[in-house]
Amino acid sequence: MKYLLIISAFLFFSHSLSAQKSDSTLVQVSGVIMTSDSLRAVSFASVGIEGTSRGAYANYDGVFSIVAHKGETLVFQALGFEDAVYKIPTDIKGNRISVVQLMSSSSLFLPETVVFPWPSKEFFKQDFLALDVSNKLEEIADENLAKTYLDGIAEVMVMDGNENADYFLRQQAQAAYYYGQAPPMNIFNVFAWKEFIQAWKRGDFKKKKK
C-alpha cells in the first residue's frame, strides 16, 4: 500500500510538471483589426487558428483576444476583405502579445450581364409592332398629377407623409424618454387642462353643420 501511494504521488507530480511545461507554450494574442487604407476598425472579423477548430470573433471596434500556442498561425477573415495571416513567433518572452492586423479590401468584378424582357428578337419585333403609341396613358398621368387634383386629396387627408413621419418620431422619442418607468398621466398635466379649456371655449367640441 505504501509503495502504491509513492507511485501515485510520483505520477501526479510528473503530470503536473509536464502540464506546466506544455502551458509555457501558450500565449494570449490580443489586438485590433483595421483596414489597410483608412485604418478603420474591421467589425466582427473572425480569427481562427490554422489547422484547428479553435477561433474567436472581433467586436464592433475590431478588438479581439485569443489563446494559442507559440508558432501557430492565425487566419483573419471578414466579408469584403482578403484573408490575412499572422504567425505567432516562437521566441516570445512571456505569455502575452499585442497585434495590430491590417486587412485589404477585396473587389470582385463579375462579367457584364444584359437582361432583355424578350427571349429573342422575333418576340421584340411583335411587341414593338403592337405597341400602343397613343397619348392616353400620358393624359391619365397628367390628370393624376394636376395641382387641383392633388390639392383636393390634401384637403381630405388627415396628415401628409412629413407629418406622419414627424408624429411617429415624436412617439418614439417619448417612449424612449420614459423607458423603464410609467409615463405621467395627462389628467395631472395643468398645460393639458389649459388647452382643453381653451378648446372648449372656442367651441372645438361643438358639432359642425354640414
N, C-alpha and C. Protein backbone atom coordinates (compact mmCIF):
# COMPACT_ATOMS: atom_id res chain seq x y z
N MET A 1 0.83 -1.20 0.00
CA MET A 1 0.00 0.00 0.00
C MET A 1 0.87 1.26 0.00
N LYS A 2 1.98 1.20 0.78
CA LYS A 2 2.88 2.34 0.87
C LYS A 2 3.52 2.64 -0.47
N TYR A 3 3.96 1.56 -1.17
CA TYR A 3 4.59 1.75 -2.48
C TYR A 3 3.58 2.28 -3.51
N LEU A 4 2.32 1.86 -3.39
CA LEU A 4 1.28 2.33 -4.31
C LEU A 4 1.06 3.84 -4.17
N LEU A 5 1.08 4.31 -2.90
CA LEU A 5 0.92 5.75 -2.67
C LEU A 5 2.12 6.52 -3.22
N ILE A 6 3.31 5.97 -3.06
CA ILE A 6 4.51 6.65 -3.57
C ILE A 6 4.46 6.75 -5.09
N ILE A 7 4.06 5.64 -5.74
CA ILE A 7 3.97 5.64 -7.21
C ILE A 7 2.91 6.62 -7.70
N SER A 8 1.75 6.67 -7.00
CA SER A 8 0.68 7.60 -7.39
C SER A 8 1.14 9.04 -7.24
N ALA A 9 1.85 9.34 -6.15
CA ALA A 9 2.34 10.70 -5.96
C ALA A 9 3.37 11.06 -7.02
N PHE A 10 4.24 10.11 -7.39
CA PHE A 10 5.25 10.36 -8.42
C PHE A 10 4.57 10.64 -9.77
N LEU A 11 3.56 9.86 -10.11
CA LEU A 11 2.84 10.09 -11.38
C LEU A 11 2.12 11.43 -11.37
N PHE A 12 1.57 11.81 -10.22
CA PHE A 12 0.85 13.08 -10.12
C PHE A 12 1.79 14.26 -10.34
N PHE A 13 2.95 14.24 -9.69
CA PHE A 13 3.90 15.33 -9.86
C PHE A 13 4.49 15.35 -11.26
N SER A 14 4.67 14.19 -11.86
CA SER A 14 5.18 14.14 -13.24
C SER A 14 4.18 14.76 -14.20
N HIS A 15 2.89 14.46 -13.97
CA HIS A 15 1.85 15.03 -14.83
C HIS A 15 1.77 16.54 -14.65
N SER A 16 1.94 17.01 -13.40
CA SER A 16 1.90 18.44 -13.14
C SER A 16 3.05 19.15 -13.81
N LEU A 17 4.25 18.54 -13.75
CA LEU A 17 5.40 19.16 -14.39
C LEU A 17 5.26 19.21 -15.90
N SER A 18 4.71 18.13 -16.49
CA SER A 18 4.50 18.13 -17.95
C SER A 18 3.44 19.13 -18.35
N ALA A 19 2.40 19.29 -17.50
CA ALA A 19 1.36 20.28 -17.81
C ALA A 19 1.91 21.69 -17.76
N GLN A 20 2.78 21.95 -16.74
CA GLN A 20 3.38 23.27 -16.66
C GLN A 20 4.30 23.52 -17.85
N LYS A 21 4.99 22.49 -18.28
CA LYS A 21 5.88 22.64 -19.42
C LYS A 21 5.10 22.94 -20.69
N SER A 22 3.96 22.25 -20.87
CA SER A 22 3.15 22.48 -22.07
C SER A 22 2.47 23.83 -22.02
N ASP A 23 2.08 24.27 -20.81
CA ASP A 23 1.43 25.56 -20.69
C ASP A 23 2.38 26.70 -21.02
N SER A 24 3.67 26.50 -20.92
CA SER A 24 4.63 27.55 -21.22
C SER A 24 4.61 27.93 -22.70
N THR A 25 4.04 27.09 -23.55
CA THR A 25 3.96 27.40 -24.97
C THR A 25 2.70 28.19 -25.32
N LEU A 26 1.79 28.34 -24.35
CA LEU A 26 0.57 29.09 -24.61
C LEU A 26 0.83 30.58 -24.52
N VAL A 27 0.13 31.34 -25.37
CA VAL A 27 0.27 32.79 -25.38
C VAL A 27 -1.10 33.39 -25.72
N GLN A 28 -1.43 34.46 -25.04
CA GLN A 28 -2.68 35.17 -25.30
C GLN A 28 -2.40 36.30 -26.29
N VAL A 29 -3.02 36.18 -27.45
CA VAL A 29 -2.84 37.16 -28.51
C VAL A 29 -4.03 38.12 -28.49
N SER A 30 -3.77 39.38 -28.27
CA SER A 30 -4.80 40.40 -28.25
C SER A 30 -4.41 41.51 -29.21
N GLY A 31 -5.40 42.18 -29.74
CA GLY A 31 -5.09 43.26 -30.67
C GLY A 31 -6.32 43.82 -31.32
N VAL A 32 -6.10 44.52 -32.42
CA VAL A 32 -7.19 45.18 -33.15
C VAL A 32 -6.98 44.93 -34.63
N ILE A 33 -8.09 44.75 -35.34
CA ILE A 33 -8.07 44.51 -36.78
C ILE A 33 -8.54 45.78 -37.47
N MET A 34 -7.75 46.28 -38.42
CA MET A 34 -8.05 47.55 -39.08
C MET A 34 -7.86 47.43 -40.58
N THR A 35 -8.48 48.35 -41.31
CA THR A 35 -8.30 48.39 -42.76
C THR A 35 -6.94 48.98 -43.09
N SER A 36 -6.35 48.50 -44.16
CA SER A 36 -5.01 48.95 -44.52
C SER A 36 -4.99 50.31 -45.19
N ASP A 37 -6.13 50.75 -45.75
CA ASP A 37 -6.13 52.02 -46.47
C ASP A 37 -6.57 53.20 -45.60
N SER A 38 -7.54 52.98 -44.73
CA SER A 38 -8.07 54.09 -43.93
C SER A 38 -7.91 53.89 -42.43
N LEU A 39 -7.34 52.75 -42.01
CA LEU A 39 -7.13 52.45 -40.59
C LEU A 39 -8.42 52.53 -39.79
N ARG A 40 -9.49 52.03 -40.38
CA ARG A 40 -10.76 51.92 -39.67
C ARG A 40 -10.92 50.48 -39.16
N ALA A 41 -11.71 50.35 -38.10
CA ALA A 41 -11.88 49.03 -37.50
C ALA A 41 -12.66 48.11 -38.42
N VAL A 42 -12.24 46.85 -38.48
CA VAL A 42 -12.96 45.81 -39.22
C VAL A 42 -13.84 45.09 -38.20
N SER A 43 -15.12 45.38 -38.21
CA SER A 43 -16.03 44.87 -37.19
C SER A 43 -16.35 43.40 -37.42
N PHE A 44 -16.40 42.65 -36.32
CA PHE A 44 -16.87 41.26 -36.29
C PHE A 44 -16.10 40.34 -37.25
N ALA A 45 -14.82 40.59 -37.41
CA ALA A 45 -13.99 39.69 -38.22
C ALA A 45 -13.72 38.41 -37.43
N SER A 46 -13.56 37.32 -38.14
CA SER A 46 -13.28 36.04 -37.49
C SER A 46 -11.77 35.82 -37.41
N VAL A 47 -11.35 35.27 -36.28
CA VAL A 47 -9.92 34.97 -36.04
C VAL A 47 -9.83 33.48 -35.73
N GLY A 48 -9.25 32.71 -36.64
CA GLY A 48 -9.12 31.27 -36.46
C GLY A 48 -7.67 30.83 -36.41
N ILE A 49 -7.45 29.71 -35.76
CA ILE A 49 -6.12 29.12 -35.69
C ILE A 49 -6.02 28.08 -36.80
N GLU A 50 -5.07 28.27 -37.68
CA GLU A 50 -4.95 27.40 -38.85
C GLU A 50 -4.71 25.95 -38.43
N GLY A 51 -5.47 25.04 -39.06
CA GLY A 51 -5.33 23.62 -38.79
C GLY A 51 -6.11 23.13 -37.59
N THR A 52 -6.86 24.01 -36.94
CA THR A 52 -7.65 23.62 -35.77
C THR A 52 -9.07 24.17 -35.94
N SER A 53 -9.93 23.79 -34.99
CA SER A 53 -11.31 24.30 -34.99
C SER A 53 -11.48 25.41 -33.97
N ARG A 54 -10.39 25.92 -33.42
CA ARG A 54 -10.46 26.98 -32.43
C ARG A 54 -10.45 28.34 -33.11
N GLY A 55 -11.15 29.29 -32.51
CA GLY A 55 -11.20 30.62 -33.09
C GLY A 55 -11.95 31.58 -32.20
N ALA A 56 -12.07 32.80 -32.67
CA ALA A 56 -12.77 33.85 -31.92
C ALA A 56 -13.26 34.89 -32.92
N TYR A 57 -14.02 35.86 -32.42
CA TYR A 57 -14.54 36.94 -33.24
C TYR A 57 -14.12 38.28 -32.64
N ALA A 58 -13.86 39.23 -33.50
CA ALA A 58 -13.60 40.59 -33.04
C ALA A 58 -14.92 41.29 -32.74
N ASN A 59 -14.88 42.30 -31.91
CA ASN A 59 -16.10 43.03 -31.59
C ASN A 59 -16.32 44.14 -32.62
N TYR A 60 -17.25 45.04 -32.31
CA TYR A 60 -17.59 46.11 -33.27
C TYR A 60 -16.40 47.01 -33.55
N ASP A 61 -15.53 47.20 -32.56
CA ASP A 61 -14.37 48.07 -32.73
C ASP A 61 -13.16 47.34 -33.29
N GLY A 62 -13.33 46.06 -33.68
CA GLY A 62 -12.24 45.29 -34.25
C GLY A 62 -11.28 44.69 -33.25
N VAL A 63 -11.59 44.78 -31.97
CA VAL A 63 -10.71 44.26 -30.91
C VAL A 63 -10.97 42.75 -30.74
N PHE A 64 -9.91 41.98 -30.62
CA PHE A 64 -10.04 40.53 -30.46
C PHE A 64 -9.04 40.05 -29.42
N SER A 65 -9.25 38.83 -28.93
CA SER A 65 -8.33 38.18 -28.00
C SER A 65 -8.52 36.68 -28.14
N ILE A 66 -7.41 35.96 -28.24
CA ILE A 66 -7.47 34.52 -28.43
C ILE A 66 -6.22 33.89 -27.82
N VAL A 67 -6.35 32.68 -27.30
CA VAL A 67 -5.24 31.93 -26.72
C VAL A 67 -4.77 30.88 -27.73
N ALA A 68 -3.49 30.87 -28.01
CA ALA A 68 -2.92 29.94 -28.98
C ALA A 68 -1.54 29.53 -28.52
N HIS A 69 -0.96 28.58 -29.25
CA HIS A 69 0.40 28.12 -28.96
C HIS A 69 1.40 28.94 -29.79
N LYS A 70 2.58 29.09 -29.25
CA LYS A 70 3.64 29.76 -29.99
C LYS A 70 3.96 28.98 -31.26
N GLY A 71 4.12 29.69 -32.35
CA GLY A 71 4.40 29.05 -33.63
C GLY A 71 3.17 28.77 -34.46
N GLU A 72 1.96 28.87 -33.88
CA GLU A 72 0.74 28.66 -34.66
C GLU A 72 0.43 29.89 -35.51
N THR A 73 -0.41 29.68 -36.50
CA THR A 73 -0.75 30.74 -37.45
C THR A 73 -2.20 31.14 -37.28
N LEU A 74 -2.44 32.44 -37.15
CA LEU A 74 -3.79 32.98 -37.04
C LEU A 74 -4.27 33.41 -38.43
N VAL A 75 -5.52 33.10 -38.73
CA VAL A 75 -6.13 33.45 -40.01
C VAL A 75 -7.27 34.43 -39.74
N PHE A 76 -7.20 35.60 -40.35
CA PHE A 76 -8.21 36.64 -40.18
C PHE A 76 -9.07 36.68 -41.44
N GLN A 77 -10.39 36.63 -41.23
CA GLN A 77 -11.33 36.63 -42.35
C GLN A 77 -12.48 37.59 -42.04
N ALA A 78 -12.91 38.32 -43.07
CA ALA A 78 -14.04 39.23 -42.96
C ALA A 78 -14.64 39.44 -44.34
N LEU A 79 -15.94 39.64 -44.38
CA LEU A 79 -16.64 39.82 -45.65
C LEU A 79 -16.18 41.12 -46.30
N GLY A 80 -15.77 41.02 -47.56
CA GLY A 80 -15.31 42.20 -48.29
C GLY A 80 -13.83 42.47 -48.14
N PHE A 81 -13.10 41.58 -47.46
CA PHE A 81 -11.67 41.76 -47.26
C PHE A 81 -10.94 40.48 -47.63
N GLU A 82 -9.69 40.65 -48.06
CA GLU A 82 -8.85 39.49 -48.34
C GLU A 82 -8.36 38.86 -47.04
N ASP A 83 -8.22 37.55 -47.05
CA ASP A 83 -7.75 36.85 -45.85
C ASP A 83 -6.34 37.31 -45.49
N ALA A 84 -6.10 37.42 -44.19
CA ALA A 84 -4.77 37.80 -43.70
C ALA A 84 -4.31 36.75 -42.69
N VAL A 85 -3.01 36.52 -42.62
CA VAL A 85 -2.44 35.52 -41.71
C VAL A 85 -1.36 36.17 -40.86
N TYR A 86 -1.21 35.64 -39.68
CA TYR A 86 -0.15 36.09 -38.77
C TYR A 86 0.38 34.88 -38.02
N LYS A 87 1.69 34.65 -38.14
CA LYS A 87 2.32 33.53 -37.45
C LYS A 87 2.90 34.02 -36.14
N ILE A 88 2.49 33.37 -35.06
CA ILE A 88 2.95 33.76 -33.74
C ILE A 88 4.42 33.36 -33.59
N PRO A 89 5.28 34.28 -33.23
CA PRO A 89 6.71 33.92 -33.07
C PRO A 89 6.91 32.92 -31.95
N THR A 90 7.94 32.15 -32.07
CA THR A 90 8.26 31.14 -31.05
C THR A 90 9.19 31.67 -29.97
N ASP A 91 9.80 32.84 -30.20
CA ASP A 91 10.75 33.39 -29.23
C ASP A 91 10.14 34.51 -28.41
N ILE A 92 8.83 34.43 -28.16
CA ILE A 92 8.16 35.45 -27.36
C ILE A 92 8.53 35.27 -25.90
N LYS A 93 8.86 36.36 -25.25
CA LYS A 93 9.13 36.34 -23.82
C LYS A 93 7.84 36.67 -23.08
N GLY A 94 7.39 35.75 -22.27
CA GLY A 94 6.13 35.94 -21.58
C GLY A 94 5.01 35.19 -22.29
N ASN A 95 3.81 35.40 -21.84
CA ASN A 95 2.65 34.70 -22.40
C ASN A 95 1.59 35.65 -22.95
N ARG A 96 1.99 36.88 -23.30
CA ARG A 96 1.06 37.84 -23.89
C ARG A 96 1.74 38.56 -25.04
N ILE A 97 0.92 38.89 -26.04
CA ILE A 97 1.43 39.62 -27.19
C ILE A 97 0.29 40.46 -27.77
N SER A 98 0.63 41.64 -28.24
CA SER A 98 -0.34 42.56 -28.85
C SER A 98 -0.06 42.67 -30.34
N VAL A 99 -1.14 42.67 -31.14
CA VAL A 99 -1.01 42.65 -32.59
C VAL A 99 -1.97 43.69 -33.18
N VAL A 100 -1.49 44.41 -34.18
CA VAL A 100 -2.34 45.27 -35.00
C VAL A 100 -2.36 44.67 -36.40
N GLN A 101 -3.47 44.03 -36.75
CA GLN A 101 -3.57 43.32 -38.02
C GLN A 101 -4.30 44.18 -39.03
N LEU A 102 -3.67 44.39 -40.19
CA LEU A 102 -4.28 45.17 -41.27
C LEU A 102 -4.86 44.22 -42.30
N MET A 103 -6.02 44.58 -42.85
CA MET A 103 -6.69 43.78 -43.88
C MET A 103 -7.00 44.67 -45.07
N SER A 104 -6.80 44.12 -46.25
CA SER A 104 -7.04 44.86 -47.50
C SER A 104 -8.41 44.52 -48.06
N SER A 105 -9.05 45.53 -48.61
CA SER A 105 -10.37 45.32 -49.21
C SER A 105 -10.22 44.49 -50.48
N SER A 106 -11.20 43.65 -50.72
CA SER A 106 -11.20 42.81 -51.93
C SER A 106 -12.36 43.22 -52.82
N SER A 107 -12.09 43.33 -54.10
CA SER A 107 -13.11 43.71 -55.08
C SER A 107 -13.32 42.54 -56.02
N LEU A 108 -14.57 42.19 -56.23
CA LEU A 108 -14.92 41.08 -57.12
C LEU A 108 -15.69 41.65 -58.29
N PHE A 109 -15.14 41.53 -59.49
CA PHE A 109 -15.76 42.05 -60.69
C PHE A 109 -16.39 40.89 -61.45
N LEU A 110 -17.69 40.98 -61.65
CA LEU A 110 -18.43 39.96 -62.39
C LEU A 110 -18.54 40.36 -63.85
N PRO A 111 -18.64 39.40 -64.74
CA PRO A 111 -18.81 39.75 -66.16
C PRO A 111 -20.14 40.46 -66.39
N GLU A 112 -20.15 41.30 -67.40
CA GLU A 112 -21.34 42.08 -67.70
C GLU A 112 -22.49 41.17 -68.14
N THR A 113 -23.66 41.45 -67.62
CA THR A 113 -24.86 40.69 -67.95
C THR A 113 -25.95 41.65 -68.39
N VAL A 114 -26.49 41.42 -69.56
CA VAL A 114 -27.57 42.25 -70.11
C VAL A 114 -28.84 41.42 -70.11
N VAL A 115 -29.88 41.93 -69.45
CA VAL A 115 -31.15 41.23 -69.33
C VAL A 115 -32.16 41.89 -70.25
N PHE A 116 -32.77 41.10 -71.12
CA PHE A 116 -33.80 41.58 -72.04
C PHE A 116 -35.15 41.01 -71.62
N PRO A 117 -36.23 41.78 -71.81
CA PRO A 117 -37.56 41.27 -71.45
C PRO A 117 -38.14 40.32 -72.49
N TRP A 118 -37.40 40.08 -73.57
CA TRP A 118 -37.90 39.18 -74.61
C TRP A 118 -36.92 38.03 -74.80
N PRO A 119 -37.41 36.84 -75.03
CA PRO A 119 -36.50 35.70 -75.20
C PRO A 119 -35.70 35.74 -76.50
N SER A 120 -36.21 36.47 -77.53
CA SER A 120 -35.49 36.55 -78.80
C SER A 120 -35.91 37.82 -79.53
N LYS A 121 -35.22 38.13 -80.63
CA LYS A 121 -35.52 39.32 -81.41
C LYS A 121 -36.89 39.24 -82.08
N GLU A 122 -37.34 38.02 -82.39
CA GLU A 122 -38.65 37.87 -83.02
C GLU A 122 -39.77 38.36 -82.10
N PHE A 123 -39.67 38.03 -80.80
CA PHE A 123 -40.67 38.50 -79.85
C PHE A 123 -40.62 40.01 -79.70
N PHE A 124 -39.42 40.58 -79.76
CA PHE A 124 -39.30 42.04 -79.68
C PHE A 124 -39.99 42.70 -80.87
N LYS A 125 -39.85 42.12 -82.04
CA LYS A 125 -40.48 42.69 -83.22
C LYS A 125 -42.00 42.67 -83.09
N GLN A 126 -42.56 41.58 -82.58
CA GLN A 126 -44.02 41.50 -82.40
C GLN A 126 -44.51 42.53 -81.38
N ASP A 127 -43.81 42.66 -80.27
CA ASP A 127 -44.24 43.61 -79.25
C ASP A 127 -44.06 45.05 -79.72
N PHE A 128 -43.03 45.29 -80.51
CA PHE A 128 -42.80 46.65 -81.00
C PHE A 128 -43.89 47.06 -81.99
N LEU A 129 -44.30 46.14 -82.84
CA LEU A 129 -45.35 46.46 -83.80
C LEU A 129 -46.71 46.62 -83.11
N ALA A 130 -46.92 45.91 -82.00
CA ALA A 130 -48.20 46.01 -81.27
C ALA A 130 -48.18 47.09 -80.20
N LEU A 131 -47.13 47.91 -80.17
CA LEU A 131 -47.00 48.92 -79.13
C LEU A 131 -48.04 50.02 -79.31
N ASP A 132 -48.68 50.40 -78.20
CA ASP A 132 -49.68 51.46 -78.22
C ASP A 132 -48.96 52.81 -78.08
N VAL A 133 -49.00 53.60 -79.14
CA VAL A 133 -48.29 54.88 -79.16
C VAL A 133 -49.23 56.06 -78.94
N SER A 134 -50.45 55.79 -78.47
CA SER A 134 -51.38 56.88 -78.21
C SER A 134 -50.98 57.61 -76.92
N ASN A 135 -51.58 58.79 -76.74
CA ASN A 135 -51.27 59.62 -75.57
C ASN A 135 -52.27 59.41 -74.44
N LYS A 136 -52.98 58.30 -74.44
CA LYS A 136 -54.00 58.10 -73.41
C LYS A 136 -53.36 57.95 -72.02
N LEU A 137 -52.30 57.14 -71.92
CA LEU A 137 -51.65 56.95 -70.62
C LEU A 137 -51.01 58.24 -70.13
N GLU A 138 -50.46 59.02 -71.06
CA GLU A 138 -49.86 60.29 -70.67
C GLU A 138 -50.91 61.27 -70.17
N GLU A 139 -52.07 61.25 -70.79
CA GLU A 139 -53.15 62.13 -70.34
C GLU A 139 -53.65 61.74 -68.95
N ILE A 140 -53.73 60.42 -68.70
CA ILE A 140 -54.16 59.96 -67.36
C ILE A 140 -53.13 60.37 -66.31
N ALA A 141 -51.84 60.27 -66.66
CA ALA A 141 -50.79 60.67 -65.71
C ALA A 141 -50.85 62.16 -65.43
N ASP A 142 -51.11 62.96 -66.46
CA ASP A 142 -51.22 64.42 -66.27
C ASP A 142 -52.41 64.75 -65.37
N GLU A 143 -53.52 64.04 -65.52
CA GLU A 143 -54.69 64.30 -64.68
C GLU A 143 -54.40 63.94 -63.22
N ASN A 144 -53.69 62.84 -63.01
CA ASN A 144 -53.38 62.43 -61.64
C ASN A 144 -52.38 63.35 -60.96
N LEU A 145 -51.56 64.04 -61.76
CA LEU A 145 -50.57 64.94 -61.19
C LEU A 145 -50.98 66.40 -61.26
N ALA A 146 -52.22 66.66 -61.65
CA ALA A 146 -52.69 68.04 -61.73
C ALA A 146 -52.75 68.65 -60.33
N LYS A 147 -52.45 69.95 -60.24
CA LYS A 147 -52.41 70.61 -58.94
C LYS A 147 -53.76 70.63 -58.26
N THR A 148 -54.81 70.85 -59.02
CA THR A 148 -56.15 70.88 -58.43
C THR A 148 -56.52 69.52 -57.86
N TYR A 149 -56.15 68.45 -58.55
CA TYR A 149 -56.44 67.10 -58.07
C TYR A 149 -55.65 66.80 -56.80
N LEU A 150 -54.37 67.17 -56.78
CA LEU A 150 -53.55 66.93 -55.60
C LEU A 150 -54.01 67.78 -54.42
N ASP A 151 -54.46 69.00 -54.68
CA ASP A 151 -54.97 69.85 -53.61
C ASP A 151 -56.24 69.26 -53.00
N GLY A 152 -57.08 68.68 -53.83
CA GLY A 152 -58.29 68.04 -53.32
C GLY A 152 -57.98 66.84 -52.44
N ILE A 153 -56.96 66.07 -52.82
CA ILE A 153 -56.56 64.93 -51.99
C ILE A 153 -55.97 65.41 -50.66
N ALA A 154 -55.20 66.50 -50.71
CA ALA A 154 -54.57 67.02 -49.49
C ALA A 154 -55.61 67.52 -48.50
N GLU A 155 -56.74 68.03 -48.99
CA GLU A 155 -57.77 68.54 -48.07
C GLU A 155 -58.45 67.44 -47.28
N VAL A 156 -58.63 66.26 -47.86
CA VAL A 156 -59.32 65.17 -47.17
C VAL A 156 -58.35 64.29 -46.38
N MET A 157 -57.05 64.46 -46.58
CA MET A 157 -56.07 63.68 -45.82
C MET A 157 -55.84 64.32 -44.45
N VAL A 158 -55.77 63.46 -43.43
CA VAL A 158 -55.54 63.97 -42.08
C VAL A 158 -54.13 64.51 -41.95
N MET A 159 -53.14 63.73 -42.32
CA MET A 159 -51.73 64.15 -42.27
C MET A 159 -51.03 63.66 -43.53
N ASP A 160 -50.07 64.46 -44.00
CA ASP A 160 -49.29 64.03 -45.15
C ASP A 160 -48.11 63.17 -44.69
N GLY A 161 -47.23 62.84 -45.62
CA GLY A 161 -46.11 61.96 -45.28
C GLY A 161 -45.16 62.57 -44.26
N ASN A 162 -44.84 63.85 -44.43
CA ASN A 162 -43.92 64.50 -43.48
C ASN A 162 -44.54 64.58 -42.09
N GLU A 163 -45.82 64.88 -42.01
CA GLU A 163 -46.48 64.97 -40.71
C GLU A 163 -46.56 63.59 -40.04
N ASN A 164 -46.83 62.56 -40.82
CA ASN A 164 -46.86 61.21 -40.26
C ASN A 164 -45.49 60.80 -39.73
N ALA A 165 -44.43 61.11 -40.50
CA ALA A 165 -43.08 60.77 -40.05
C ALA A 165 -42.72 61.54 -38.78
N ASP A 166 -43.10 62.83 -38.73
CA ASP A 166 -42.81 63.62 -37.54
C ASP A 166 -43.56 63.10 -36.32
N TYR A 167 -44.82 62.72 -36.52
CA TYR A 167 -45.61 62.19 -35.41
C TYR A 167 -45.03 60.87 -34.90
N PHE A 168 -44.61 60.00 -35.82
CA PHE A 168 -44.03 58.71 -35.44
C PHE A 168 -42.72 58.90 -34.67
N LEU A 169 -41.88 59.82 -35.13
CA LEU A 169 -40.61 60.06 -34.45
C LEU A 169 -40.83 60.65 -33.07
N ARG A 170 -41.83 61.52 -32.93
CA ARG A 170 -42.11 62.08 -31.61
C ARG A 170 -42.64 61.02 -30.65
N GLN A 171 -43.42 60.08 -31.18
CA GLN A 171 -43.91 58.98 -30.35
C GLN A 171 -42.75 58.10 -29.89
N GLN A 172 -41.81 57.83 -30.80
CA GLN A 172 -40.65 57.03 -30.43
C GLN A 172 -39.79 57.74 -29.38
N ALA A 173 -39.61 59.04 -29.56
CA ALA A 173 -38.81 59.80 -28.60
C ALA A 173 -39.46 59.81 -27.23
N GLN A 174 -40.78 59.93 -27.19
CA GLN A 174 -41.47 59.92 -25.91
C GLN A 174 -41.36 58.56 -25.23
N ALA A 175 -41.49 57.48 -26.03
CA ALA A 175 -41.37 56.14 -25.45
C ALA A 175 -39.96 55.90 -24.92
N ALA A 176 -38.95 56.41 -25.62
CA ALA A 176 -37.57 56.25 -25.14
C ALA A 176 -37.31 57.10 -23.91
N TYR A 177 -37.96 58.26 -23.82
CA TYR A 177 -37.74 59.15 -22.67
C TYR A 177 -38.25 58.52 -21.38
N TYR A 178 -39.38 57.81 -21.47
CA TYR A 178 -39.97 57.19 -20.28
C TYR A 178 -39.69 55.69 -20.22
N TYR A 179 -38.60 55.24 -20.88
CA TYR A 179 -38.29 53.81 -20.89
C TYR A 179 -37.95 53.35 -19.47
N GLY A 180 -38.58 52.26 -19.04
CA GLY A 180 -38.32 51.70 -17.72
C GLY A 180 -39.13 52.31 -16.60
N GLN A 181 -40.04 53.20 -16.92
CA GLN A 181 -40.88 53.81 -15.91
C GLN A 181 -42.24 54.12 -16.50
N ALA A 182 -43.20 54.32 -15.63
CA ALA A 182 -44.56 54.61 -16.08
C ALA A 182 -44.65 56.06 -16.54
N PRO A 183 -45.15 56.32 -17.75
CA PRO A 183 -45.26 57.71 -18.22
C PRO A 183 -46.30 58.47 -17.40
N PRO A 184 -46.13 59.77 -17.26
CA PRO A 184 -47.10 60.56 -16.48
C PRO A 184 -48.46 60.61 -17.16
N MET A 185 -49.50 60.75 -16.36
CA MET A 185 -50.87 60.83 -16.88
C MET A 185 -51.23 62.29 -17.13
N ASN A 186 -51.84 62.56 -18.28
CA ASN A 186 -52.20 63.93 -18.63
C ASN A 186 -53.30 64.50 -17.75
N ILE A 187 -53.95 63.65 -16.96
CA ILE A 187 -55.01 64.15 -16.10
C ILE A 187 -54.44 65.09 -15.02
N PHE A 188 -53.14 64.94 -14.74
CA PHE A 188 -52.49 65.81 -13.77
C PHE A 188 -51.66 66.90 -14.44
N ASN A 189 -51.77 67.01 -15.76
CA ASN A 189 -50.99 67.99 -16.50
C ASN A 189 -51.78 69.29 -16.60
N VAL A 190 -51.30 70.36 -15.97
CA VAL A 190 -52.02 71.64 -15.96
C VAL A 190 -52.05 72.26 -17.36
N PHE A 191 -51.01 72.01 -18.16
CA PHE A 191 -50.98 72.57 -19.51
C PHE A 191 -52.02 71.88 -20.40
N ALA A 192 -52.21 70.56 -20.20
CA ALA A 192 -53.24 69.86 -20.95
C ALA A 192 -54.63 70.37 -20.57
N TRP A 193 -54.85 70.63 -19.29
CA TRP A 193 -56.13 71.19 -18.86
C TRP A 193 -56.34 72.58 -19.45
N LYS A 194 -55.29 73.37 -19.52
CA LYS A 194 -55.41 74.70 -20.10
C LYS A 194 -55.81 74.62 -21.57
N GLU A 195 -55.17 73.72 -22.33
CA GLU A 195 -55.53 73.56 -23.74
C GLU A 195 -56.96 73.06 -23.89
N PHE A 196 -57.38 72.16 -23.00
CA PHE A 196 -58.75 71.65 -23.07
C PHE A 196 -59.77 72.75 -22.82
N ILE A 197 -59.53 73.60 -21.81
CA ILE A 197 -60.47 74.69 -21.50
C ILE A 197 -60.52 75.70 -22.64
N GLN A 198 -59.37 76.02 -23.21
CA GLN A 198 -59.34 76.96 -24.33
C GLN A 198 -60.08 76.39 -25.54
N ALA A 199 -59.90 75.11 -25.82
CA ALA A 199 -60.60 74.49 -26.94
C ALA A 199 -62.10 74.44 -26.68
N TRP A 200 -62.49 74.23 -25.43
CA TRP A 200 -63.91 74.20 -25.09
C TRP A 200 -64.54 75.58 -25.25
N LYS A 201 -63.82 76.63 -24.87
CA LYS A 201 -64.32 77.98 -25.04
C LYS A 201 -64.42 78.36 -26.51
N ARG A 202 -63.49 77.88 -27.31
CA ARG A 202 -63.55 78.19 -28.74
C ARG A 202 -64.65 77.44 -29.44
N GLY A 203 -65.17 76.41 -28.82
CA GLY A 203 -66.23 75.62 -29.44
C GLY A 203 -65.72 74.53 -30.36
N ASP A 204 -64.50 74.04 -30.07
CA ASP A 204 -63.95 72.99 -30.93
C ASP A 204 -64.69 71.68 -30.81
N PHE A 205 -65.44 71.50 -29.72
CA PHE A 205 -66.14 70.23 -29.49
C PHE A 205 -67.60 70.28 -29.94
N LYS A 206 -68.03 71.43 -30.47
CA LYS A 206 -69.41 71.51 -30.94
C LYS A 206 -69.54 70.82 -32.30
N LYS A 207 -70.70 70.26 -32.54
CA LYS A 207 -70.95 69.63 -33.82
C LYS A 207 -71.05 70.70 -34.90
N LYS A 208 -70.33 70.49 -35.95
CA LYS A 208 -70.33 71.44 -37.06
C LYS A 208 -71.41 71.06 -38.06
N LYS A 209 -72.12 72.08 -38.54
CA LYS A 209 -73.17 71.82 -39.53
C LYS A 209 -72.52 71.56 -40.87
N LYS A 210 -73.04 70.53 -41.53
CA LYS A 210 -72.51 70.17 -42.85
C LYS A 210 -73.06 71.14 -43.91
